[in-house]
Amino acid sequence: VLTNAVPSYAPGMQLISTSAIGVHERGLDLVGQLSTMHDTDASSW
């Protein structure tokens, strides 16, 4: 969660940066992994 360190990266919001090794498509389904990794429901991000 980048904005936990730098709120100016997305004022008034929480901005999450997620990376994966290799080249992947924009629409890759990450919801399950992000929900597990951040211990929350990421489906509405």
PDB file of all heavy atoms in Angstrom:
ATOM      1  N   VAL A   1       0.871  -1.179   0.000  1.00  0.00           N
ATOM      2  CA  VAL A   1       0.000   0.000   0.000  1.00  0.00           C
ATOM      3  C   VAL A   1       0.907   1.228   0.000  1.00  0.00           C
ATOM      4  O   VAL A   1       1.415   1.651   1.040  1.00  0.00           O
ATOM      5  CB  VAL A   1      -0.946   0.004   1.218  1.00  0.00           C
ATOM      6  CG1 VAL A   1      -1.913   1.191   1.123  1.00  0.00           C
ATOM      7  CG2 VAL A   1      -1.716  -1.301   1.302  1.00  0.00           C
ATOM      8  N   LEU A   2       1.121   1.791  -1.170  1.00  0.00           N
ATOM      9  CA  LEU A   2       2.077   2.888  -1.322  1.00  0.00           C
ATOM     10  C   LEU A   2       1.685   4.119  -0.507  1.00  0.00           C
ATOM     11  O   LEU A   2       2.547   4.810   0.050  1.00  0.00           O
ATOM     12  CB  LEU A   2       2.212   3.277  -2.791  1.00  0.00           C
ATOM     13  CG  LEU A   2       2.807   2.225  -3.731  1.00  0.00           C
ATOM     14  CD1 LEU A   2       2.782   2.744  -5.168  1.00  0.00           C
ATOM     15  CD2 LEU A   2       4.234   1.885  -3.331  1.00  0.00           C
ATOM     16  N   THR A   3       0.392   4.404  -0.449  1.00  0.00           N
ATOM     17  CA  THR A   3      -0.047   5.615   0.236  1.00  0.00           C
ATOM     18  C   THR A   3       0.121   5.538   1.750  1.00  0.00           C
ATOM     19  O   THR A   3       0.016   6.558   2.429  1.00  0.00           O
ATOM     20  CB  THR A   3      -1.516   5.909  -0.113  1.00  0.00           C
ATOM     21  OG1 THR A   3      -2.270   4.686  -0.081  1.00  0.00           O
ATOM     22  CG2 THR A   3      -1.628   6.544  -1.498  1.00  0.00           C
ATOM     23  N   ASN A   4       0.402   4.367   2.286  1.00  0.00           N
ATOM     24  CA  ASN A   4       0.747   4.298   3.706  1.00  0.00           C
ATOM     25  C   ASN A   4       2.092   4.963   3.963  1.00  0.00           C
ATOM     26  O   ASN A   4       2.358   5.434   5.073  1.00  0.00           O
ATOM     27  CB  ASN A   4       0.790   2.846   4.179  1.00  0.00           C
ATOM     28  CG  ASN A   4      -0.593   2.253   4.377  1.00  0.00           C
ATOM     29  OD1 ASN A   4      -1.592   2.963   4.329  1.00  0.00           O
ATOM     30  ND2 ASN A   4      -0.654   0.950   4.596  1.00  0.00           N
ATOM     31  N   ALA A   5       2.938   4.997   2.944  1.00  0.00           N
ATOM     32  CA  ALA A   5       4.220   5.696   3.060  1.00  0.00           C
ATOM     33  C   ALA A   5       4.136   7.098   2.491  1.00  0.00           C
ATOM     34  O   ALA A   5       4.655   8.051   3.078  1.00  0.00           O
ATOM     35  CB  ALA A   5       5.326   4.913   2.336  1.00  0.00           C
ATOM     36  N   VAL A   6       3.483   7.234   1.325  1.00  0.00           N
ATOM     37  CA  VAL A   6       3.454   8.519   0.622  1.00  0.00           C
ATOM     38  C   VAL A   6       2.008   8.848   0.255  1.00  0.00           C
ATOM     39  O   VAL A   6       1.537   8.513  -0.837  1.00  0.00           O
ATOM     40  CB  VAL A   6       4.322   8.472  -0.663  1.00  0.00           C
ATOM     41  CG1 VAL A   6       4.675   9.883  -1.115  1.00  0.00           C
ATOM     42  CG2 VAL A   6       5.570   7.649  -0.471  1.00  0.00           C
ATOM     43  N   PRO A   7       1.284   9.527   1.125  1.00  0.00           N
ATOM     44  CA  PRO A   7      -0.117   9.848   0.825  1.00  0.00           C
ATOM     45  C   PRO A   7      -0.290  10.665  -0.454  1.00  0.00           C
ATOM     46  O   PRO A   7      -1.332  10.576  -1.114  1.00  0.00           O
ATOM     47  CB  PRO A   7      -0.562  10.649   2.063  1.00  0.00           C
ATOM     48  CG  PRO A   7       0.351  10.188   3.160  1.00  0.00           C
ATOM     49  CD  PRO A   7       1.675   9.925   2.495  1.00  0.00           C
ATOM     50  N   SER A   8       0.734  11.416  -0.836  1.00  0.00           N
ATOM     51  CA  SER A   8       0.635  12.260  -2.034  1.00  0.00           C
ATOM     52  C   SER A   8       0.579  11.447  -3.322  1.00  0.00           C
ATOM     53  O   SER A   8       0.259  11.993  -4.383  1.00  0.00           O
ATOM     54  CB  SER A   8       1.822  13.230  -2.100  1.00  0.00           C
ATOM     55  OG  SER A   8       3.055  12.532  -2.093  1.00  0.00           O
ATOM     56  N   TYR A   9       0.879  10.146  -3.259  1.00  0.00           N
ATOM     57  CA  TYR A   9       0.782   9.310  -4.460  1.00  0.00           C
ATOM     58  C   TYR A   9      -0.673   9.174  -4.932  1.00  0.00           C
ATOM     59  O   TYR A   9      -0.910   8.931  -6.120  1.00  0.00           O
ATOM     60  CB  TYR A   9       1.377   7.921  -4.199  1.00  0.00           C
ATOM     61  CG  TYR A   9       2.782   7.745  -4.720  1.00  0.00           C
ATOM     62  CD1 TYR A   9       3.780   8.673  -4.417  1.00  0.00           C
ATOM     63  CD2 TYR A   9       3.133   6.665  -5.512  1.00  0.00           C
ATOM     64  CE1 TYR A   9       5.075   8.518  -4.894  1.00  0.00           C
ATOM     65  CE2 TYR A   9       4.418   6.500  -5.994  1.00  0.00           C
ATOM     66  CZ  TYR A   9       5.386   7.422  -5.682  1.00  0.00           C
ATOM     67  OH  TYR A   9       6.668   7.267  -6.171  1.00  0.00           O
ATOM     68  N   ALA A  10      -1.638   9.297  -4.019  1.00  0.00           N
ATOM     69  CA  ALA A  10      -3.066   9.229  -4.384  1.00  0.00           C
ATOM     70  C   ALA A  10      -3.853   9.890  -3.256  1.00  0.00           C
ATOM     71  O   ALA A  10      -4.408   9.204  -2.394  1.00  0.00           O
ATOM     72  CB  ALA A  10      -3.528   7.794  -4.604  1.00  0.00           C
ATOM     73  N   PRO A  11      -3.897  11.219  -3.247  1.00  0.00           N
ATOM     74  CA  PRO A  11      -4.538  11.940  -2.143  1.00  0.00           C
ATOM     75  C   PRO A  11      -5.987  11.495  -1.917  1.00  0.00           C
ATOM     76  O   PRO A  11      -6.778  11.387  -2.857  1.00  0.00           O
ATOM     77  CB  PRO A  11      -4.478  13.401  -2.605  1.00  0.00           C
ATOM     78  CG  PRO A  11      -3.304  13.458  -3.541  1.00  0.00           C
ATOM     79  CD  PRO A  11      -3.318  12.128  -4.242  1.00  0.00           C
ATOM     80  N   GLY A  12      -6.305  11.189  -0.666  1.00  0.00           N
ATOM     81  CA  GLY A  12      -7.663  10.811  -0.301  1.00  0.00           C
ATOM     82  C   GLY A  12      -8.046   9.386  -0.637  1.00  0.00           C
ATOM     83  O   GLY A  12      -9.202   8.989  -0.456  1.00  0.00           O
ATOM     84  N   MET A  13      -7.092   8.580  -1.125  1.00  0.00           N
ATOM     85  CA  MET A  13      -7.357   7.187  -1.491  1.00  0.00           C
ATOM     86  C   MET A  13      -6.214   6.314  -0.986  1.00  0.00           C
ATOM     87  O   MET A  13      -5.214   6.802  -0.470  1.00  0.00           O
ATOM     88  CB  MET A  13      -7.472   7.046  -3.013  1.00  0.00           C
ATOM     89  CG  MET A  13      -8.619   7.824  -3.650  1.00  0.00           C
ATOM     90  SD  MET A  13     -10.246   7.142  -3.259  1.00  0.00           S
ATOM     91  CE  MET A  13     -10.246   5.663  -4.286  1.00  0.00           C
ATOM     92  N   GLN A  14      -6.397   5.007  -1.134  1.00  0.00           N
ATOM     93  CA  GLN A  14      -5.320   4.063  -0.888  1.00  0.00           C
ATOM     94  C   GLN A  14      -4.870   3.494  -2.234  1.00  0.00           C
ATOM     95  O   GLN A  14      -5.694   2.996  -3.011  1.00  0.00           O
ATOM     96  CB  GLN A  14      -5.769   2.942   0.048  1.00  0.00           C
ATOM     97  CG  GLN A  14      -5.952   3.419   1.492  1.00  0.00           C
ATOM     98  CD  GLN A  14      -6.322   2.290   2.441  1.00  0.00           C
ATOM     99  OE1 GLN A  14      -7.371   1.680   2.294  1.00  0.00           O
ATOM    100  NE2 GLN A  14      -5.467   2.015   3.409  1.00  0.00           N
ATOM    101  N   LEU A  15      -3.574   3.591  -2.520  1.00  0.00           N
ATOM    102  CA  LEU A  15      -3.011   3.117  -3.783  1.00  0.00           C
ATOM    103  C   LEU A  15      -2.157   1.890  -3.505  1.00  0.00           C
ATOM    104  O   LEU A  15      -1.220   1.945  -2.701  1.00  0.00           O
ATOM    105  CB  LEU A  15      -2.162   4.207  -4.438  1.00  0.00           C
ATOM    106  CG  LEU A  15      -1.493   3.839  -5.773  1.00  0.00           C
ATOM    107  CD1 LEU A  15      -2.545   3.593  -6.847  1.00  0.00           C
ATOM    108  CD2 LEU A  15      -0.523   4.939  -6.204  1.00  0.00           C
ATOM    109  N   ILE A  16      -2.496   0.802  -4.174  1.00  0.00           N
ATOM    110  CA  ILE A  16      -1.792  -0.465  -3.964  1.00  0.00           C
ATOM    111  C   ILE A  16      -0.991  -0.805  -5.217  1.00  0.00           C
ATOM    112  O   ILE A  16      -1.532  -0.819  -6.332  1.00  0.00           O
ATOM    113  CB  ILE A  16      -2.783  -1.613  -3.664  1.00  0.00           C
ATOM    114  CG1 ILE A  16      -3.644  -1.269  -2.444  1.00  0.00           C
ATOM    115  CG2 ILE A  16      -2.033  -2.922  -3.428  1.00  0.00           C
ATOM    116  CD1 ILE A  16      -5.000  -0.681  -2.791  1.00  0.00           C
ATOM    117  N   SER A  17       0.288  -1.065  -5.031  1.00  0.00           N
ATOM    118  CA  SER A  17       1.166  -1.502  -6.120  1.00  0.00           C
ATOM    119  C   SER A  17       1.395  -3.002  -5.978  1.00  0.00           C
ATOM    120  O   SER A  17       1.741  -3.487  -4.894  1.00  0.00           O
ATOM    121  CB  SER A  17       2.508  -0.760  -6.050  1.00  0.00           C
ATOM    122  OG  SER A  17       3.467  -1.363  -6.897  1.00  0.00           O
ATOM    123  N   THR A  18       1.207  -3.736  -7.071  1.00  0.00           N
ATOM    124  CA  THR A  18       1.374  -5.188  -7.071  1.00  0.00           C
ATOM    125  C   THR A  18       2.247  -5.587  -8.242  1.00  0.00           C
ATOM    126  O   THR A  18       2.015  -5.145  -9.367  1.00  0.00           O
ATOM    127  CB  THR A  18       0.008  -5.891  -7.188  1.00  0.00           C
ATOM    128  OG1 THR A  18      -0.828  -5.480  -6.097  1.00  0.00           O
ATOM    129  CG2 THR A  18       0.170  -7.401  -7.188  1.00  0.00           C
ATOM    130  N   SER A  19       3.253  -6.424  -7.999  1.00  0.00           N
ATOM    131  CA  SER A  19       4.187  -6.801  -9.058  1.00  0.00           C
ATOM    132  C   SER A  19       4.313  -8.310  -9.180  1.00  0.00           C
ATOM    133  O   SER A  19       4.204  -9.045  -8.193  1.00  0.00           O
ATOM    134  CB  SER A  19       5.570  -6.195  -8.798  1.00  0.00           C
ATOM    135  OG  SER A  19       5.525  -4.784  -8.869  1.00  0.00           O
ATOM    136  N   ALA A  20       4.548  -8.761 -10.413  1.00  0.00           N
ATOM    137  CA  ALA A  20       4.783 -10.169 -10.713  1.00  0.00           C
ATOM    138  C   ALA A  20       5.915 -10.273 -11.711  1.00  0.00           C
ATOM    139  O   ALA A  20       5.999  -9.478 -12.664  1.00  0.00           O
ATOM    140  CB  ALA A  20       3.523 -10.819 -11.285  1.00  0.00           C
ATOM    141  N   ILE A  21       6.800 -11.224 -11.490  1.00  0.00           N
ATOM    142  CA  ILE A  21       7.914 -11.443 -12.411  1.00  0.00           C
ATOM    143  C   ILE A  21       7.372 -11.882 -13.768  1.00  0.00           C
ATOM    144  O   ILE A  21       6.455 -12.703 -13.854  1.00  0.00           O
ATOM    145  CB  ILE A  21       8.880 -12.491 -11.839  1.00  0.00           C
ATOM    146  CG1 ILE A  21       9.544 -11.963 -10.563  1.00  0.00           C
ATOM    147  CG2 ILE A  21       9.940 -12.887 -12.862  1.00  0.00           C
ATOM    148  CD1 ILE A  21      10.325 -13.002  -9.799  1.00  0.00           C
ATOM    149  N   GLY A  22       7.938 -11.327 -14.831  1.00  0.00           N
ATOM    150  CA  GLY A  22       7.500 -11.654 -16.177  1.00  0.00           C
ATOM    151  C   GLY A  22       6.519 -10.635 -16.718  1.00  0.00           C
ATOM    152  O   GLY A  22       6.144  -9.676 -16.030  1.00  0.00           O
ATOM    153  N   VAL A  23       6.109 -10.827 -17.954  1.00  0.00           N
ATOM    154  CA  VAL A  23       5.167  -9.933 -18.609  1.00  0.00           C
ATOM    155  C   VAL A  23       3.787 -10.578 -18.601  1.00  0.00           C
ATOM    156  O   VAL A  23       3.610 -11.701 -19.074  1.00  0.00           O
ATOM    157  CB  VAL A  23       5.618  -9.636 -20.058  1.00  0.00           C
ATOM    158  CG1 VAL A  23       4.565  -8.821 -20.788  1.00  0.00           C
ATOM    159  CG2 VAL A  23       6.951  -8.905 -20.051  1.00  0.00           C
ATOM    160  N   HIS A  24       2.812  -9.846 -18.045  1.00  0.00           N
ATOM    161  CA  HIS A  24       1.452 -10.386 -17.885  1.00  0.00           C
ATOM    162  C   HIS A  24       0.430  -9.394 -18.426  1.00  0.00           C
ATOM    163  O   HIS A  24       0.668  -8.190 -18.469  1.00  0.00           O
ATOM    164  CB  HIS A  24       1.155 -10.669 -16.407  1.00  0.00           C
ATOM    165  CG  HIS A  24       2.108 -11.629 -15.768  1.00  0.00           C
ATOM    166  ND1 HIS A  24       1.948 -12.997 -15.841  1.00  0.00           N
ATOM    167  CD2 HIS A  24       3.244 -11.410 -15.057  1.00  0.00           C
ATOM    168  CE1 HIS A  24       2.947 -13.592 -15.179  1.00  0.00           C
ATOM    169  NE2 HIS A  24       3.744 -12.647 -14.699  1.00  0.00           N
ATOM    170  N   GLU A  25      -0.743  -9.906 -18.764  1.00  0.00           N
ATOM    171  CA  GLU A  25      -1.793  -9.067 -19.332  1.00  0.00           C
ATOM    172  C   GLU A  25      -2.446  -8.203 -18.268  1.00  0.00           C
ATOM    173  O   GLU A  25      -2.412  -8.509 -17.062  1.00  0.00           O
ATOM    174  CB  GLU A  25      -2.846  -9.944 -20.009  1.00  0.00           C
ATOM    175  CG  GLU A  25      -3.550 -10.884 -19.052  1.00  0.00           C
ATOM    176  CD  GLU A  25      -4.491 -11.850 -19.757  1.00  0.00           C
ATOM    177  OE1 GLU A  25      -4.284 -12.094 -20.956  1.00  0.00           O
ATOM    178  OE2 GLU A  25      -5.420 -12.356 -19.097  1.00  0.00           O
ATOM    179  N   ARG A  26      -3.059  -7.128 -18.721  1.00  0.00           N
ATOM    180  CA  ARG A  26      -3.710  -6.185 -17.813  1.00  0.00           C
ATOM    181  C   ARG A  26      -4.818  -6.842 -16.998  1.00  0.00           C
ATOM    182  O   ARG A  26      -4.946  -6.604 -15.793  1.00  0.00           O
ATOM    183  CB  ARG A  26      -4.286  -5.017 -18.621  1.00  0.00           C
ATOM    184  CG  ARG A  26      -5.020  -3.973 -17.782  1.00  0.00           C
ATOM    185  CD  ARG A  26      -5.633  -2.879 -18.639  1.00  0.00           C
ATOM    186  NE  ARG A  26      -6.338  -1.886 -17.843  1.00  0.00           N
ATOM    187  CZ  ARG A  26      -5.797  -0.789 -17.327  1.00  0.00           C
ATOM    188  NH1 ARG A  26      -4.517  -0.538 -17.554  1.00  0.00           N
ATOM    189  NH2 ARG A  26      -6.509   0.055 -16.608  1.00  0.00           N
ATOM    190  N   GLY A  27      -5.608  -7.690 -17.653  1.00  0.00           N
ATOM    191  CA  GLY A  27      -6.783  -8.235 -17.008  1.00  0.00           C
ATOM    192  C   GLY A  27      -6.561  -9.508 -16.219  1.00  0.00           C
ATOM    193  O   GLY A  27      -7.533 -10.206 -15.886  1.00  0.00           O
ATOM    194  N   LEU A  28      -5.326  -9.839 -15.909  1.00  0.00           N
ATOM    195  CA  LEU A  28      -5.058 -11.050 -15.137  1.00  0.00           C
ATOM    196  C   LEU A  28      -5.797 -10.995 -13.797  1.00  0.00           C
ATOM    197  O   LEU A  28      -5.797  -9.976 -13.108  1.00  0.00           O
ATOM    198  CB  LEU A  28      -3.548 -11.164 -14.893  1.00  0.00           C
ATOM    199  CG  LEU A  28      -3.042 -12.473 -14.289  1.00  0.00           C
ATOM    200  CD1 LEU A  28      -3.251 -13.630 -15.257  1.00  0.00           C
ATOM    201  CD2 LEU A  28      -1.550 -12.349 -13.950  1.00  0.00           C
ATOM    202  N   ASP A  29      -6.435 -12.094 -13.420  1.00  0.00           N
ATOM    203  CA  ASP A  29      -7.228 -12.133 -12.189  1.00  0.00           C
ATOM    204  C   ASP A  29      -6.296 -12.206 -10.980  1.00  0.00           C
ATOM    205  O   ASP A  29      -5.654 -13.223 -10.719  1.00  0.00           O
ATOM    206  CB  ASP A  29      -8.165 -13.342 -12.211  1.00  0.00           C
ATOM    207  CG  ASP A  29      -9.113 -13.359 -11.019  1.00  0.00           C
ATOM    208  OD1 ASP A  29      -9.082 -12.400 -10.214  1.00  0.00           O
ATOM    209  OD2 ASP A  29      -9.876 -14.331 -10.882  1.00  0.00           O
ATOM    210  N   LEU A  30      -6.258 -11.115 -10.230  1.00  0.00           N
ATOM    211  CA  LEU A  30      -5.392 -11.027  -9.052  1.00  0.00           C
ATOM    212  C   LEU A  30      -6.189 -10.967  -7.750  1.00  0.00           C
ATOM    213  O   LEU A  30      -5.594 -10.922  -6.666  1.00  0.00           O
ATOM    214  CB  LEU A  30      -4.506  -9.769  -9.142  1.00  0.00           C
ATOM    215  CG  LEU A  30      -3.640  -9.609 -10.389  1.00  0.00           C
ATOM    216  CD1 LEU A  30      -2.953  -8.249 -10.362  1.00  0.00           C
ATOM    217  CD2 LEU A  30      -2.604 -10.724 -10.460  1.00  0.00           C
ATOM    218  N   VAL A  31      -7.499 -10.963  -7.852  1.00  0.00           N
ATOM    219  CA  VAL A  31      -8.338 -10.707  -6.679  1.00  0.00           C
ATOM    220  C   VAL A  31      -8.059 -11.695  -5.553  1.00  0.00           C
ATOM    221  O   VAL A  31      -7.899 -11.307  -4.381  1.00  0.00           O
ATOM    222  CB  VAL A  31      -9.833 -10.732  -7.055  1.00  0.00           C
ATOM    223  CG1 VAL A  31     -10.698 -10.665  -5.793  1.00  0.00           C
ATOM    224  CG2 VAL A  31     -10.160  -9.569  -7.976  1.00  0.00           C
ATOM    225  N   GLY A  32      -8.014 -12.988  -5.879  1.00  0.00           N
ATOM    226  CA  GLY A  32      -7.799 -13.993  -4.839  1.00  0.00           C
ATOM    227  C   GLY A  32      -6.479 -13.794  -4.114  1.00  0.00           C
ATOM    228  O   GLY A  32      -6.424 -13.814  -2.875  1.00  0.00           O
ATOM    229  N   GLN A  33      -5.418 -13.614  -4.886  1.00  0.00           N
ATOM    230  CA  GLN A  33      -4.112 -13.440  -4.257  1.00  0.00           C
ATOM    231  C   GLN A  33      -4.032 -12.159  -3.439  1.00  0.00           C
ATOM    232  O   GLN A  33      -3.503 -12.149  -2.320  1.00  0.00           O
ATOM    233  CB  GLN A  33      -3.012 -13.434  -5.319  1.00  0.00           C
ATOM    234  CG  GLN A  33      -2.522 -14.828  -5.680  1.00  0.00           C
ATOM    235  CD  GLN A  33      -1.138 -14.775  -6.290  1.00  0.00           C
ATOM    236  OE1 GLN A  33      -0.982 -14.384  -7.432  1.00  0.00           O
ATOM    237  NE2 GLN A  33      -0.142 -15.164  -5.518  1.00  0.00           N
ATOM    238  N   LEU A  34      -4.550 -11.064  -3.986  1.00  0.00           N
ATOM    239  CA  LEU A  34      -4.477  -9.798  -3.261  1.00  0.00           C
ATOM    240  C   LEU A  34      -5.334  -9.835  -2.002  1.00  0.00           C
ATOM    241  O   LEU A  34      -4.957  -9.266  -0.968  1.00  0.00           O
ATOM    242  CB  LEU A  34      -4.904  -8.646  -4.170  1.00  0.00           C
ATOM    243  CG  LEU A  34      -3.940  -8.330  -5.314  1.00  0.00           C
ATOM    244  CD1 LEU A  34      -4.463  -7.178  -6.160  1.00  0.00           C
ATOM    245  CD2 LEU A  34      -2.556  -7.992  -4.770  1.00  0.00           C
ATOM    246  N   SER A  35      -6.459 -10.502  -2.054  1.00  0.00           N
ATOM    247  CA  SER A  35      -7.301 -10.634  -0.861  1.00  0.00           C
ATOM    248  C   SER A  35      -6.565 -11.399   0.231  1.00  0.00           C
ATOM    249  O   SER A  35      -6.621 -11.044   1.423  1.00  0.00           O
ATOM    250  CB  SER A  35      -8.615 -11.338  -1.209  1.00  0.00           C
ATOM    251  OG  SER A  35      -9.373 -10.587  -2.136  1.00  0.00           O
ATOM    252  N   THR A  36      -5.865 -12.468  -0.171  1.00  0.00           N
ATOM    253  CA  THR A  36      -5.092 -13.244   0.798  1.00  0.00           C
ATOM    254  C   THR A  36      -3.913 -12.448   1.338  1.00  0.00           C
ATOM    255  O   THR A  36      -3.675 -12.410   2.552  1.00  0.00           O
ATOM    256  CB  THR A  36      -4.570 -14.539   0.138  1.00  0.00           C
ATOM    257  OG1 THR A  36      -5.682 -15.348  -0.239  1.00  0.00           O
ATOM    258  CG2 THR A  36      -3.680 -15.313   1.095  1.00  0.00           C
ATOM    259  N   MET A  37      -3.197 -11.799   0.451  1.00  0.00           N
ATOM    260  CA  MET A  37      -1.979 -11.101   0.859  1.00  0.00           C
ATOM    261  C   MET A  37      -2.281  -9.906   1.763  1.00  0.00           C
ATOM    262  O   MET A  37      -1.517  -9.605   2.684  1.00  0.00           O
ATOM    263  CB  MET A  37      -1.186 -10.664  -0.364  1.00  0.00           C
ATOM    264  CG  MET A  37      -0.602 -11.831  -1.161  1.00  0.00           C
ATOM    265  SD  MET A  37       0.269 -11.334  -2.663  1.00  0.00           S
ATOM    266  CE  MET A  37       1.733 -10.544  -1.956  1.00  0.00           C
ATOM    267  N   HIS A  38      -3.401  -9.225   1.517  1.00  0.00           N
ATOM    268  CA  HIS A  38      -3.735  -8.032   2.309  1.00  0.00           C
ATOM    269  C   HIS A  38      -4.819  -8.302   3.349  1.00  0.00           C
ATOM    270  O   HIS A  38      -5.245  -7.368   4.043  1.00  0.00           O
ATOM    271  CB  HIS A  38      -4.151  -6.892   1.383  1.00  0.00           C
ATOM    272  CG  HIS A  38      -3.022  -6.340   0.568  1.00  0.00           C
ATOM    273  ND1 HIS A  38      -2.105  -5.448   1.081  1.00  0.00           N
ATOM    274  CD2 HIS A  38      -2.650  -6.590  -0.717  1.00  0.00           C
ATOM    275  CE1 HIS A  38      -1.222  -5.139   0.133  1.00  0.00           C
ATOM    276  NE2 HIS A  38      -1.516  -5.821  -0.958  1.00  0.00           N
ATOM    277  N   ASP A  39      -5.242  -9.555   3.452  1.00  0.00           N
ATOM    278  CA  ASP A  39      -6.222  -9.960   4.469  1.00  0.00           C
ATOM    279  C   ASP A  39      -7.477  -9.099   4.400  1.00  0.00           C
ATOM    280  O   ASP A  39      -7.974  -8.581   5.415  1.00  0.00           O
ATOM    281  CB  ASP A  39      -5.593  -9.870   5.864  1.00  0.00           C
ATOM    282  CG  ASP A  39      -6.427 -10.574   6.928  1.00  0.00           C
ATOM    283  OD1 ASP A  39      -7.202 -11.494   6.562  1.00  0.00           O
ATOM    284  OD2 ASP A  39      -6.324 -10.190   8.108  1.00  0.00           O
ATOM    285  N   THR A  40      -8.017  -8.954   3.193  1.00  0.00           N
ATOM    286  CA  THR A  40      -9.227  -8.165   2.987  1.00  0.00           C
ATOM    287  C   THR A  40      -9.856  -8.602   1.668  1.00  0.00           C
ATOM    288  O   THR A  40      -9.282  -9.399   0.928  1.00  0.00           O
ATOM    289  CB  THR A  40      -8.909  -6.657   2.954  1.00  0.00           C
ATOM    290  OG1 THR A  40     -10.134  -5.913   2.987  1.00  0.00           O
ATOM    291  CG2 THR A  40      -8.118  -6.284   1.709  1.00  0.00           C
ATOM    292  N   ASP A  41     -11.027  -8.074   1.360  1.00  0.00           N
ATOM    293  CA  ASP A  41     -11.681  -8.364   0.083  1.00  0.00           C
ATOM    294  C   ASP A  41     -11.225  -7.339  -0.949  1.00  0.00           C
ATOM    295  O   ASP A  41     -11.530  -6.151  -0.841  1.00  0.00           O
ATOM    296  CB  ASP A  41     -13.196  -8.302   0.263  1.00  0.00           C
ATOM    297  CG  ASP A  41     -13.953  -8.620  -1.019  1.00  0.00           C
ATOM    298  OD1 ASP A  41     -13.310  -8.964  -2.038  1.00  0.00           O
ATOM    299  OD2 ASP A  41     -15.195  -8.502  -1.007  1.00  0.00           O
ATOM    300  N   ALA A  42     -10.485  -7.803  -1.953  1.00  0.00           N
ATOM    301  CA  ALA A  42      -9.927  -6.895  -2.959  1.00  0.00           C
ATOM    302  C   ALA A  42     -10.803  -6.809  -4.208  1.00  0.00           C
ATOM    303  O   ALA A  42     -10.405  -6.173  -5.193  1.00  0.00           O
ATOM    304  CB  ALA A  42      -8.525  -7.370  -3.348  1.00  0.00           C
ATOM    305  N   SER A  43     -11.980  -7.390  -4.195  1.00  0.00           N
ATOM    306  CA  SER A  43     -12.795  -7.483  -5.413  1.00  0.00           C
ATOM    307  C   SER A  43     -13.288  -6.131  -5.905  1.00  0.00           C
ATOM    308  O   SER A  43     -13.585  -5.973  -7.099  1.00  0.00           O
ATOM    309  CB  SER A  43     -13.988  -8.419  -5.182  1.00  0.00           C
ATOM    310  OG  SER A  43     -14.815  -7.928  -4.135  1.00  0.00           O
ATOM    311  N   SER A  44     -13.390  -5.141  -5.017  1.00  0.00           N
ATOM    312  CA  SER A  44     -13.915  -3.835  -5.428  1.00  0.00           C
ATOM    313  C   SER A  44     -12.818  -2.828  -5.782  1.00  0.00           C
ATOM    314  O   SER A  44     -13.121  -1.697  -6.153  1.00  0.00           O
ATOM    315  CB  SER A  44     -14.791  -3.244  -4.311  1.00  0.00           C
ATOM    316  OG  SER A  44     -14.017  -2.999  -3.146  1.00  0.00           O
ATOM    317  N   TRP A  45     -11.567  -3.238  -5.688  1.00  0.00           N
ATOM    318  CA  TRP A  45     -10.486  -2.306  -6.001  1.00  0.00           C
ATOM    319  C   TRP A  45     -10.528  -1.937  -7.480  1.00  0.00           C
ATOM    320  O   TRP A  45     -10.806  -2.778  -8.352  1.00  0.00           O
ATOM    321  CB  TRP A  45      -9.125  -2.917  -5.683  1.00  0.00           C
ATOM    322  CG  TRP A  45      -8.901  -3.201  -4.226  1.00  0.00           C
ATOM    323  CD1 TRP A  45      -9.769  -2.976  -3.200  1.00  0.00           C
ATOM    324  CD2 TRP A  45      -7.744  -3.788  -3.653  1.00  0.00           C
ATOM    325  NE1 TRP A  45      -9.213  -3.380  -2.010  1.00  0.00           N
ATOM    326  CE2 TRP A  45      -7.966  -3.884  -2.258  1.00  0.00           C
ATOM    327  CE3 TRP A  45      -6.536  -4.253  -4.170  1.00  0.00           C
ATOM    328  CZ2 TRP A  45      -7.021  -4.413  -1.389  1.00  0.00           C
ATOM    329  CZ3 TRP A  45      -5.593  -4.775  -3.308  1.00  0.00           C
ATOM    330  CH2 TRP A  45      -5.831  -4.854  -1.924  1.00  0.00           C
TER     331      TRP A  45
END
